[in-house]
């Protein structure tokens, strides 16, 4: 039984993931995000009947994707609040021309 695994690769880029087949180390793909690593794992699984995805790796990737989405939502919320503050109509109308 061949198992597809993914692991976090230590590098300068913190979001580098390696997807490989456990018994065949020559098949190795570097992905820039946990999401793309998960997609590649499912693509590999769909090409062969005897390939299985490791449950632990799948849970780890799901966790990383959820963390990234929460961080992105926080950054977007900060930008939305800043835009709302800058373009607040009450603030804009209260500024008088000299």
C-alpha atoms as a PDB file:
ATOM      1  CA  UNK A   1       0.000   0.000   0.000  1.00  0.00           C
ATOM      2  CA  UNK A   2       1.547   3.291  -1.129  1.00  0.00           C
ATOM      3  CA  UNK A   3       0.831   6.269   1.078  1.00  0.00           C
ATOM      4  CA  UNK A   4       0.892   9.914   0.004  1.00  0.00           C
ATOM      5  CA  UNK A   5       2.415  12.161   2.653  1.00  0.00           C
ATOM      6  CA  UNK A   6       3.005  15.890   2.993  1.00  0.00           C
ATOM      7  CA  UNK A   7       5.362  17.673   5.324  1.00  0.00           C
ATOM      8  CA  UNK A   8       6.483  21.201   6.035  1.00  0.00           C
ATOM      9  CA  UNK A   9       9.883  21.895   4.485  1.00  0.00           C
ATOM     10  CA  UNK A  10      12.260  24.072   6.524  1.00  0.00           C
ATOM     11  CA  UNK A  11      13.335  26.923   4.285  1.00  0.00           C
ATOM     12  CA  UNK A  12      13.418  30.698   3.988  1.00  0.00           C
ATOM     13  CA  UNK A  13       9.859  30.580   2.707  1.00  0.00           C
ATOM     14  CA  UNK A  14       7.774  29.472   5.680  1.00  0.00           C
ATOM     15  CA  UNK A  15       4.942  28.137   3.495  1.00  0.00           C
ATOM     16  CA  UNK A  16       6.821  25.451   1.551  1.00  0.00           C
ATOM     17  CA  UNK A  17       5.247  21.974   1.651  1.00  0.00           C
ATOM     18  CA  UNK A  18       6.599  18.743   0.155  1.00  0.00           C
ATOM     19  CA  UNK A  19       4.232  16.068  -1.154  1.00  0.00           C
ATOM     20  CA  UNK A  20       5.656  12.632  -1.878  1.00  0.00           C
ATOM     21  CA  UNK A  21       4.792   8.958  -2.019  1.00  0.00           C
ATOM     22  CA  UNK A  22       6.174   7.184   1.037  1.00  0.00           C
ATOM     23  CA  UNK A  23       7.577   4.089  -0.716  1.00  0.00           C
ATOM     24  CA  UNK A  24       8.770   6.034  -3.784  1.00  0.00           C
ATOM     25  CA  UNK A  25      10.831   8.993  -2.626  1.00  0.00           C
ATOM     26  CA  UNK A  26      11.754  10.004  -6.181  1.00  0.00           C
ATOM     27  CA  UNK A  27       8.234  11.385  -6.712  1.00  0.00           C
ATOM     28  CA  UNK A  28       8.366  14.666  -4.853  1.00  0.00           C
ATOM     29  CA  UNK A  29       6.517  17.939  -5.430  1.00  0.00           C
ATOM     30  CA  UNK A  30       7.157  21.256  -3.667  1.00  0.00           C
ATOM     31  CA  UNK A  31       4.050  23.367  -3.057  1.00  0.00           C
ATOM     32  CA  UNK A  32       3.867  26.975  -1.876  1.00  0.00           C
ATOM     33  CA  UNK A  33       0.820  26.548   0.323  1.00  0.00           C
ATOM     34  CA  UNK A  34      -0.967  23.904   2.349  1.00  0.00           C
ATOM     35  CA  UNK A  35      -3.968  24.296   0.052  1.00  0.00           C
ATOM     36  CA  UNK A  36      -1.968  23.511  -3.096  1.00  0.00           C
ATOM     37  CA  UNK A  37      -0.302  20.575  -1.312  1.00  0.00           C
ATOM     38  CA  UNK A  38      -3.712  19.150  -0.437  1.00  0.00           C
ATOM     39  CA  UNK A  39      -4.937  19.579  -3.996  1.00  0.00           C
ATOM     40  CA  UNK A  40      -1.841  17.832  -5.331  1.00  0.00           C
ATOM     41  CA  UNK A  41      -2.346  14.947  -2.880  1.00  0.00           C
ATOM     42  CA  UNK A  42      -5.875  14.399  -4.184  1.00  0.00           C
ATOM     43  CA  UNK A  43      -4.620  14.664  -7.772  1.00  0.00           C
ATOM     44  CA  UNK A  44      -2.030  11.948  -7.091  1.00  0.00           C
ATOM     45  CA  UNK A  45      -4.648   9.766  -5.448  1.00  0.00           C
ATOM     46  CA  UNK A  46      -6.955  10.069  -8.451  1.00  0.00           C
ATOM     47  CA  UNK A  47      -4.230   8.836 -10.833  1.00  0.00           C
ATOM     48  CA  UNK A  48      -3.766   5.446  -9.186  1.00  0.00           C
ATOM     49  CA  UNK A  49      -5.947   2.945  -7.372  1.00  0.00           C
ATOM     50  CA  UNK A  50      -3.283   1.803  -4.903  1.00  0.00           C
ATOM     51  CA  UNK A  51      -2.390   5.270  -3.526  1.00  0.00           C
ATOM     52  CA  UNK A  52      -3.817   6.413  -0.210  1.00  0.00           C
ATOM     53  CA  UNK A  53      -3.571   9.764   1.555  1.00  0.00           C
ATOM     54  CA  UNK A  54      -2.214   9.744   5.087  1.00  0.00           C
ATOM     55  CA  UNK A  55      -4.937  10.829   7.525  1.00  0.00           C
ATOM     56  CA  UNK A  56      -2.439  12.635   9.754  1.00  0.00           C
ATOM     57  CA  UNK A  57      -1.093  14.652   6.838  1.00  0.00           C
ATOM     58  CA  UNK A  58      -4.590  15.489   5.685  1.00  0.00           C
ATOM     59  CA  UNK A  59      -5.543  16.732   9.162  1.00  0.00           C
ATOM     60  CA  UNK A  60      -2.342  18.788   9.422  1.00  0.00           C
ATOM     61  CA  UNK A  61      -2.960  20.424   6.036  1.00  0.00           C
ATOM     62  CA  UNK A  62      -6.587  21.143   6.958  1.00  0.00           C
ATOM     63  CA  UNK A  63      -5.421  22.781  10.180  1.00  0.00           C
ATOM     64  CA  UNK A  64      -2.850  24.932   8.353  1.00  0.00           C
ATOM     65  CA  UNK A  65      -5.442  25.995   5.769  1.00  0.00           C
ATOM     66  CA  UNK A  66      -7.849  27.018   8.540  1.00  0.00           C
ATOM     67  CA  UNK A  67      -5.098  29.025  10.266  1.00  0.00           C
ATOM     68  CA  UNK A  68      -4.221  30.799   7.016  1.00  0.00           C
ATOM     69  CA  UNK A  69      -7.853  31.652   6.326  1.00  0.00           C
ATOM     70  CA  UNK A  70      -8.319  33.086   9.828  1.00  0.00           C
ATOM     71  CA  UNK A  71      -5.183  35.190   9.466  1.00  0.00           C
ATOM     72  CA  UNK A  72      -6.362  36.439   6.073  1.00  0.00           C
ATOM     73  CA  UNK A  73      -9.799  37.292   7.484  1.00  0.00           C
ATOM     74  CA  UNK A  74      -8.140  39.286  10.288  1.00  0.00           C
ATOM     75  CA  UNK A  75      -5.993  41.240   7.808  1.00  0.00           C
ATOM     76  CA  UNK A  76      -9.023  41.997   5.632  1.00  0.00           C
ATOM     77  CA  UNK A  77     -11.017  43.142   8.668  1.00  0.00           C
ATOM     78  CA  UNK A  78      -8.220  45.543   9.645  1.00  0.00           C
ATOM     79  CA  UNK A  79      -8.222  47.039   6.138  1.00  0.00           C
ATOM     80  CA  UNK A  80     -12.018  47.343   6.117  1.00  0.00           C
ATOM     81  CA  UNK A  81     -11.986  49.200   9.436  1.00  0.00           C
ATOM     82  CA  UNK A  82      -9.214  51.509   8.244  1.00  0.00           C
ATOM     83  CA  UNK A  83     -11.084  52.321   5.024  1.00  0.00           C
ATOM     84  CA  UNK A  84     -14.290  52.936   6.997  1.00  0.00           C
ATOM     85  CA  UNK A  85     -12.395  55.279   9.330  1.00  0.00           C
ATOM     86  CA  UNK A  86     -10.746  57.241   6.509  1.00  0.00           C
ATOM     87  CA  UNK A  87     -13.893  57.594   4.422  1.00  0.00           C
ATOM     88  CA  UNK A  88     -16.320  58.196   7.291  1.00  0.00           C
ATOM     89  CA  UNK A  89     -18.812  60.758   5.945  1.00  0.00           C
ATOM     90  CA  UNK A  90     -19.274  62.439   9.331  1.00  0.00           C
ATOM     91  CA  UNK A  91     -15.525  63.001   9.548  1.00  0.00           C
ATOM     92  CA  UNK A  92     -15.287  64.187   5.951  1.00  0.00           C
ATOM     93  CA  UNK A  93     -18.223  66.637   6.336  1.00  0.00           C
ATOM     94  CA  UNK A  94     -16.899  67.997   9.622  1.00  0.00           C
ATOM     95  CA  UNK A  95     -13.670  69.185   7.976  1.00  0.00           C
ATOM     96  CA  UNK A  96     -14.206  72.750   6.788  1.00  0.00           C
ATOM     97  CA  UNK A  97     -12.406  74.448   3.970  1.00  0.00           C
ATOM     98  CA  UNK A  98     -10.367  77.480   5.087  1.00  0.00           C
END
